[in-house]
Amino acid sequence: MSFCLVVCLWELIVLTLVVDAWADLIKFNQSGLHNTPNEISS
């Protein structure tokens, strides 16, 4: 397994996690939980 393939796979996994986290943040904002930032940051 080549190094380039490993890096590409890793970046794909990280990108998926970032997109999932971003989608969760959007859901939080739409549900009104952004009024309590202390709970989200903790």
PDB file of N, CA and C in Angstrom:
ATOM      1  N   MET A   1       0.861  -1.192   0.000  1.00  0.00           N
ATOM      2  CA  MET A   1       0.000   0.000   0.000  1.00  0.00           C
ATOM      3  C   MET A   1       0.896   1.242   0.000  1.00  0.00           C
ATOM      4  N   SER A   2       0.707   2.072  -1.003  1.00  0.00           N
ATOM      5  CA  SER A   2       1.595   3.227  -1.142  1.00  0.00           C
ATOM      6  C   SER A   2       1.248   4.329  -0.160  1.00  0.00           C
ATOM      7  N   PHE A   3       2.245   5.173   0.112  1.00  0.00           N
ATOM      8  CA  PHE A   3       2.061   6.265   1.072  1.00  0.00           C
ATOM      9  C   PHE A   3       1.007   7.261   0.586  1.00  0.00           C
ATOM     10  N   CYS A   4       1.005   7.516  -0.719  1.00  0.00           N
ATOM     11  CA  CYS A   4       0.056   8.490  -1.268  1.00  0.00           C
ATOM     12  C   CYS A   4      -1.383   8.021  -1.037  1.00  0.00           C
ATOM     13  N   LEU A   5      -1.599   6.720  -1.216  1.00  0.00           N
ATOM     14  CA  LEU A   5      -2.940   6.177  -1.024  1.00  0.00           C
ATOM     15  C   LEU A   5      -3.380   6.322   0.426  1.00  0.00           C
ATOM     16  N   VAL A   6      -2.457   6.102   1.352  1.00  0.00           N
ATOM     17  CA  VAL A   6      -2.774   6.243   2.775  1.00  0.00           C
ATOM     18  C   VAL A   6      -3.148   7.691   3.085  1.00  0.00           C
ATOM     19  N   VAL A   7      -2.381   8.627   2.563  1.00  0.00           N
ATOM     20  CA  VAL A   7      -2.651  10.049   2.811  1.00  0.00           C
ATOM     21  C   VAL A   7      -3.999  10.451   2.222  1.00  0.00           C
ATOM     22  N   CYS A   8      -4.281   9.972   1.011  1.00  0.00           N
ATOM     23  CA  CYS A   8      -5.558  10.311   0.379  1.00  0.00           C
ATOM     24  C   CYS A   8      -6.726   9.747   1.188  1.00  0.00           C
ATOM     25  N   LEU A   9      -6.573   8.521   1.665  1.00  0.00           N
ATOM     26  CA  LEU A   9      -7.619   7.910   2.484  1.00  0.00           C
ATOM     27  C   LEU A   9      -7.822   8.690   3.768  1.00  0.00           C
ATOM     28  N   TRP A  10      -6.703   9.065   4.420  1.00  0.00           N
ATOM     29  CA  TRP A  10      -6.777   9.805   5.687  1.00  0.00           C
ATOM     30  C   TRP A  10      -7.478  11.137   5.499  1.00  0.00           C
ATOM     31  N   GLU A  11      -7.136  11.842   4.403  1.00  0.00           N
ATOM     32  CA  GLU A  11      -7.767  13.137   4.135  1.00  0.00           C
ATOM     33  C   GLU A  11      -9.258  12.957   3.889  1.00  0.00           C
ATOM     34  N   LEU A  12      -9.633  11.862   3.228  1.00  0.00           N
ATOM     35  CA  LEU A  12     -11.046  11.598   2.961  1.00  0.00           C
ATOM     36  C   LEU A  12     -11.800  11.379   4.271  1.00  0.00           C
ATOM     37  N   ILE A  13     -11.186  10.641   5.202  1.00  0.00           N
ATOM     38  CA  ILE A  13     -11.816  10.386   6.501  1.00  0.00           C
ATOM     39  C   ILE A  13     -11.960  11.690   7.281  1.00  0.00           C
ATOM     40  N   VAL A  14     -10.894  12.493   7.312  1.00  0.00           N
ATOM     41  CA  VAL A  14     -10.932  13.767   8.038  1.00  0.00           C
ATOM     42  C   VAL A  14     -11.995  14.680   7.434  1.00  0.00           C
ATOM     43  N   LEU A  15     -12.057  14.727   6.107  1.00  0.00           N
ATOM     44  CA  LEU A  15     -13.035  15.584   5.438  1.00  0.00           C
ATOM     45  C   LEU A  15     -14.450  15.155   5.801  1.00  0.00           C
ATOM     46  N   THR A  16     -14.682  13.836   5.862  1.00  0.00           N
ATOM     47  CA  THR A  16     -16.009  13.327   6.221  1.00  0.00           C
ATOM     48  C   THR A  16     -16.374  13.735   7.638  1.00  0.00           C
ATOM     49  N   LEU A  17     -15.401  13.641   8.559  1.00  0.00           N
ATOM     50  CA  LEU A  17     -15.660  14.023   9.949  1.00  0.00           C
ATOM     51  C   LEU A  17     -15.976  15.512  10.053  1.00  0.00           C
ATOM     52  N   VAL A  18     -15.232  16.321   9.302  1.00  0.00           N
ATOM     53  CA  VAL A  18     -15.456  17.773   9.337  1.00  0.00           C
ATOM     54  C   VAL A  18     -16.844  18.109   8.801  1.00  0.00           C
ATOM     55  N   VAL A  19     -17.228  17.441   7.714  1.00  0.00           N
ATOM     56  CA  VAL A  19     -18.555  17.698   7.132  1.00  0.00           C
ATOM     57  C   VAL A  19     -19.646  17.287   8.115  1.00  0.00           C
ATOM     58  N   ASP A  20     -19.456  16.156   8.795  1.00  0.00           N
ATOM     59  CA  ASP A  20     -20.444  15.704   9.782  1.00  0.00           C
ATOM     60  C   ASP A  20     -20.552  16.712  10.926  1.00  0.00           C
ATOM     61  N   ALA A  21     -19.407  17.187  11.399  1.00  0.00           N
ATOM     62  CA  ALA A  21     -19.414  18.157  12.504  1.00  0.00           C
ATOM     63  C   ALA A  21     -20.084  19.454  12.063  1.00  0.00           C
ATOM     64  N   TRP A  22     -19.818  19.873  10.818  1.00  0.00           N
ATOM     65  CA  TRP A  22     -20.417  21.102  10.294  1.00  0.00           C
ATOM     66  C   TRP A  22     -21.928  20.944  10.191  1.00  0.00           C
ATOM     67  N   ALA A  23     -22.383  19.767   9.746  1.00  0.00           N
ATOM     68  CA  ALA A  23     -23.823  19.510   9.635  1.00  0.00           C
ATOM     69  C   ALA A  23     -24.473  19.542  11.017  1.00  0.00           C
ATOM     70  N   ASP A  24     -23.769  19.000  12.023  1.00  0.00           N
ATOM     71  CA  ASP A  24     -24.300  19.025  13.391  1.00  0.00           C
ATOM     72  C   ASP A  24     -24.428  20.462  13.893  1.00  0.00           C
ATOM     73  N   LEU A  25     -23.438  21.294  13.579  1.00  0.00           N
ATOM     74  CA  LEU A  25     -23.490  22.692  14.005  1.00  0.00           C
ATOM     75  C   LEU A  25     -24.682  23.400  13.366  1.00  0.00           C
ATOM     76  N   ILE A  26     -24.935  23.110  12.096  1.00  0.00           N
ATOM     77  CA  ILE A  26     -26.067  23.726  11.408  1.00  0.00           C
ATOM     78  C   ILE A  26     -27.372  23.273  12.050  1.00  0.00           C
ATOM     79  N   LYS A  27     -27.449  21.999  12.414  1.00  0.00           N
ATOM     80  CA  LYS A  27     -28.659  21.487  13.066  1.00  0.00           C
ATOM     81  C   LYS A  27     -28.851  22.177  14.416  1.00  0.00           C
ATOM     82  N   PHE A  28     -27.761  22.353  15.165  1.00  0.00           N
ATOM     83  CA  PHE A  28     -27.845  23.031  16.459  1.00  0.00           C
ATOM     84  C   PHE A  28     -28.372  24.450  16.280  1.00  0.00           C
ATOM     85  N   ASN A  29     -27.846  25.160  15.282  1.00  0.00           N
ATOM     86  CA  ASN A  29     -28.268  26.538  15.050  1.00  0.00           C
ATOM     87  C   ASN A  29     -29.737  26.594  14.652  1.00  0.00           C
ATOM     88  N   GLN A  30     -30.191  25.645  13.839  1.00  0.00           N
ATOM     89  CA  GLN A  30     -31.577  25.655  13.380  1.00  0.00           C
ATOM     90  C   GLN A  30     -32.529  25.297  14.513  1.00  0.00           C
ATOM     91  N   SER A  31     -32.063  24.493  15.480  1.00  0.00           N
ATOM     92  CA  SER A  31     -32.938  24.075  16.577  1.00  0.00           C
ATOM     93  C   SER A  31     -32.933  25.097  17.718  1.00  0.00           C
ATOM     94  N   GLY A  32     -32.120  26.172  17.589  1.00  0.00           N
ATOM     95  CA  GLY A  32     -32.146  27.237  18.580  1.00  0.00           C
ATOM     96  C   GLY A  32     -31.189  27.022  19.742  1.00  0.00           C
ATOM     97  N   LEU A  33     -30.349  25.978  19.685  1.00  0.00           N
ATOM     98  CA  LEU A  33     -29.438  25.728  20.792  1.00  0.00           C
ATOM     99  C   LEU A  33     -28.269  26.715  20.800  1.00  0.00           C
ATOM    100  N   HIS A  34     -28.144  27.542  19.739  1.00  0.00           N
ATOM    101  CA  HIS A  34     -27.046  28.507  19.702  1.00  0.00           C
ATOM    102  C   HIS A  34     -27.241  29.609  20.735  1.00  0.00           C
ATOM    103  N   ASN A  35     -28.393  29.603  21.399  1.00  0.00           N
ATOM    104  CA  ASN A  35     -28.634  30.593  22.456  1.00  0.00           C
ATOM    105  C   ASN A  35     -27.878  30.212  23.727  1.00  0.00           C
ATOM    106  N   THR A  36     -27.373  28.961  23.796  1.00  0.00           N
ATOM    107  CA  THR A  36     -26.627  28.512  24.972  1.00  0.00           C
ATOM    108  C   THR A  36     -25.254  28.017  24.529  1.00  0.00           C
ATOM    109  N   PRO A  37     -24.345  28.928  24.138  1.00  0.00           N
ATOM    110  CA  PRO A  37     -23.029  28.535  23.622  1.00  0.00           C
ATOM    111  C   PRO A  37     -22.171  27.840  24.670  1.00  0.00           C
ATOM    112  N   ASN A  38     -22.434  28.099  25.959  1.00  0.00           N
ATOM    113  CA  ASN A  38     -21.616  27.491  27.005  1.00  0.00           C
ATOM    114  C   ASN A  38     -21.785  25.974  27.035  1.00  0.00           C
ATOM    115  N   GLU A  39     -22.984  25.505  26.744  1.00  0.00           N
ATOM    116  CA  GLU A  39     -23.228  24.068  26.767  1.00  0.00           C
ATOM    117  C   GLU A  39     -22.555  23.381  25.586  1.00  0.00           C
ATOM    118  N   ILE A  40     -22.521  24.063  24.442  1.00  0.00           N
ATOM    119  CA  ILE A  40     -21.924  23.466  23.245  1.00  0.00           C
ATOM    120  C   ILE A  40     -20.400  23.429  23.370  1.00  0.00           C
ATOM    121  N   SER A  41     -19.807  24.492  23.916  1.00  0.00           N
ATOM    122  CA  SER A  41     -18.350  24.573  23.982  1.00  0.00           C
ATOM    123  C   SER A  41     -17.766  23.646  25.035  1.00  0.00           C
ATOM    124  N   SER A  42     -18.570  23.263  26.019  1.00  0.00           N
ATOM    125  CA  SER A  42     -18.047  22.427  27.094  1.00  0.00           C
ATOM    126  C   SER A  42     -17.992  20.958  26.714  1.00  0.00           C
TER     127      SER A  42
END
